[in-house]
Amino acid sequence: IVALLSNNALAYGEAGQWSSGWGQGTTEYTAVVDAQNSLYIACSDTSKVSMTATVKGQEYGSYAAKGFSLIVNGSEYEAPYETSSRVGENNFYDMWAKLRKAKSITIVTADGQKLALPIQGVSSTLPATNTSAFSCLMWDN
């Protein structure tokens, strides 16, 4: 049982903060409230950035039927994971910069649910976009 619990902890990240990991060519960033509520951002060097919000166990975002917006320090970013246009790309970069200095982050789902995300660790977890550590593609290669 202990091994299962530690694997779950790694899969979800630590509750109440941002964390990052890397696997199979993908850098993963996660903000976790608890096992049912989180934001997951996947960046790779071969496919465009994807984001999944999990609210009360329901998934929203890149690969889900319903979308979500992020409100960062009062600025709303509708479908911030839609980066395949110049406007979408600029929107993502602006959101990312604000996330790194966030005082408040809220997910708003397409069906009206709201989830406040932790800000602990966000500035140290998310790399600046002008550094080699930033690997989020805006378009599929």
Protein backbone atom coordinates (compact mmCIF):
# COMPACT_ATOMS: atom_id res chain seq x y z
CA ILE A 1 0.00 0.00 0.00
CA VAL A 2 2.80 2.42 0.82
CA ALA A 3 4.30 2.02 -2.68
CA LEU A 4 0.92 2.79 -4.25
CA LEU A 5 0.50 5.91 -2.14
CA SER A 6 3.93 7.25 -3.07
CA ASN A 7 3.26 6.63 -6.77
CA ASN A 8 -0.01 8.54 -6.51
CA ALA A 9 1.76 11.39 -4.77
CA LEU A 10 4.25 11.60 -7.64
CA ALA A 11 1.54 11.41 -10.29
CA TYR A 12 -0.44 14.27 -8.80
CA GLY A 13 2.35 16.38 -7.30
CA GLU A 14 2.19 17.66 -3.75
CA ALA A 15 -1.06 19.20 -2.53
CA GLY A 16 -1.03 22.96 -2.04
CA GLN A 17 1.80 23.78 -4.43
CA TRP A 18 3.27 23.73 -7.94
CA SER A 19 5.74 21.09 -9.02
CA SER A 20 7.40 19.88 -12.19
CA GLY A 21 8.60 16.60 -13.58
CA TRP A 22 9.90 15.11 -16.78
CA GLY A 23 9.12 11.90 -18.60
CA GLN A 24 9.02 10.54 -22.16
CA GLY A 25 10.18 13.82 -23.70
CA THR A 26 7.58 15.89 -21.87
CA THR A 27 8.08 18.47 -19.13
CA GLU A 28 5.09 18.45 -16.81
CA TYR A 29 3.95 21.28 -14.56
CA THR A 30 1.26 20.64 -11.99
CA ALA A 31 -0.64 22.80 -9.49
CA VAL A 32 -2.43 20.53 -7.05
CA VAL A 33 -5.23 21.29 -4.62
CA ASP A 34 -5.95 17.60 -3.93
CA ALA A 35 -6.40 14.35 -5.91
CA GLN A 36 -9.68 15.63 -7.41
CA ASN A 37 -8.58 19.20 -8.24
CA SER A 38 -5.51 20.30 -10.21
CA LEU A 39 -4.03 21.97 -13.26
CA TYR A 40 -1.63 20.03 -15.49
CA ILE A 41 0.51 21.62 -18.22
CA ALA A 42 2.50 19.40 -20.61
CA CYS A 43 5.31 20.86 -22.72
CA SER A 44 7.33 18.86 -25.22
CA ASP A 45 9.72 19.49 -28.09
CA THR A 46 7.52 17.61 -30.58
CA SER A 47 3.90 18.59 -29.91
CA LYS A 48 2.15 21.76 -28.86
CA VAL A 49 1.48 22.60 -25.25
CA SER A 50 -1.53 20.97 -23.63
CA MET A 51 -3.36 21.84 -20.45
CA THR A 52 -5.83 19.82 -18.41
CA ALA A 53 -7.82 21.18 -15.51
CA THR A 54 -9.35 18.64 -13.16
CA VAL A 55 -12.18 20.04 -11.06
CA LYS A 56 -14.09 17.72 -8.71
CA GLY A 57 -12.62 14.81 -10.68
CA GLN A 58 -13.94 16.10 -14.05
CA GLU A 59 -11.39 16.90 -16.80
CA TYR A 60 -11.45 20.05 -18.92
CA GLY A 61 -9.07 21.42 -21.54
CA SER A 62 -6.91 20.21 -24.40
CA TYR A 63 -8.25 16.66 -24.72
CA ALA A 64 -11.59 17.02 -22.96
CA ALA A 65 -15.07 17.74 -24.30
CA LYS A 66 -15.29 20.96 -22.25
CA GLY A 67 -12.84 23.84 -21.97
CA PHE A 68 -11.72 26.17 -19.22
CA SER A 69 -10.35 29.64 -18.61
CA LEU A 70 -7.66 30.72 -16.19
CA ILE A 71 -7.92 33.93 -14.21
CA VAL A 72 -4.46 35.06 -13.12
CA ASN A 73 -4.21 38.17 -10.93
CA GLY A 74 -7.62 39.26 -12.27
CA SER A 75 -6.78 38.78 -15.98
CA GLU A 76 -8.87 36.10 -17.71
CA TYR A 77 -7.36 33.80 -20.32
CA GLU A 78 -10.02 31.89 -22.22
CA ALA A 79 -8.79 28.47 -23.45
CA PRO A 80 -5.11 29.36 -22.77
CA TYR A 81 -4.06 26.00 -24.26
CA GLU A 82 -5.30 27.02 -27.74
CA THR A 83 -1.94 28.19 -29.12
CA SER A 84 -2.17 27.41 -32.84
CA SER A 85 -2.67 31.03 -33.86
CA ARG A 86 -0.56 34.15 -33.32
CA VAL A 87 -3.22 35.53 -30.94
CA GLY A 88 -3.37 32.23 -29.03
CA GLU A 89 0.41 32.05 -28.82
CA ASN A 90 0.67 35.63 -27.50
CA ASN A 91 -2.15 34.89 -25.04
CA PHE A 92 -0.25 31.84 -23.72
CA TYR A 93 3.03 33.74 -23.30
CA ASP A 94 1.23 36.57 -21.49
CA MET A 95 -0.58 34.10 -19.21
CA TRP A 96 2.69 32.22 -18.48
CA ALA A 97 4.46 35.45 -17.48
CA LYS A 98 1.59 36.37 -15.17
CA LEU A 99 1.49 32.85 -13.69
CA ARG A 100 5.15 33.19 -12.69
CA LYS A 101 4.20 36.26 -10.58
CA ALA A 102 0.73 35.09 -9.54
CA LYS A 103 -0.96 36.32 -6.40
CA SER A 104 -4.15 34.46 -7.37
CA ILE A 105 -4.99 31.74 -9.91
CA THR A 106 -8.53 30.51 -10.55
CA ILE A 107 -9.82 27.93 -13.01
CA VAL A 108 -13.27 28.64 -14.44
CA THR A 109 -14.75 25.67 -16.28
CA ALA A 110 -17.07 25.86 -19.30
CA ASP A 111 -19.91 24.67 -17.06
CA GLY A 112 -19.27 27.41 -14.47
CA GLN A 113 -17.29 25.67 -11.75
CA LYS A 114 -14.49 27.63 -10.09
CA LEU A 115 -11.34 26.33 -8.45
CA ALA A 116 -8.68 28.42 -6.72
CA LEU A 117 -5.20 27.02 -7.36
CA PRO A 118 -2.21 27.28 -5.05
CA ILE A 119 0.48 29.84 -5.84
CA GLN A 120 3.19 28.28 -3.63
CA GLY A 121 6.18 27.35 -5.77
CA VAL A 122 4.81 28.73 -9.04
CA SER A 123 7.62 31.25 -9.62
CA SER A 124 10.36 28.68 -8.96
CA THR A 125 8.58 25.90 -10.92
CA LEU A 126 7.71 27.69 -14.17
CA PRO A 127 10.80 28.79 -16.14
CA ALA A 128 10.95 32.14 -17.91
CA THR A 129 9.96 31.86 -21.58
CA ASN A 130 13.31 33.30 -22.72
CA THR A 131 15.37 30.52 -21.09
CA SER A 132 16.46 27.11 -22.37
CA ALA A 133 14.41 25.48 -19.58
CA PHE A 134 11.18 26.63 -21.30
CA SER A 135 10.14 23.89 -23.71
CA CYS A 136 6.51 24.69 -24.51
CA LEU A 137 5.83 24.55 -28.26
CA MET A 138 2.96 26.61 -29.60
CA TRP A 139 2.59 24.50 -32.76
CA ASP A 140 3.06 20.81 -33.51
CA ASN A 141 6.42 20.02 -35.13
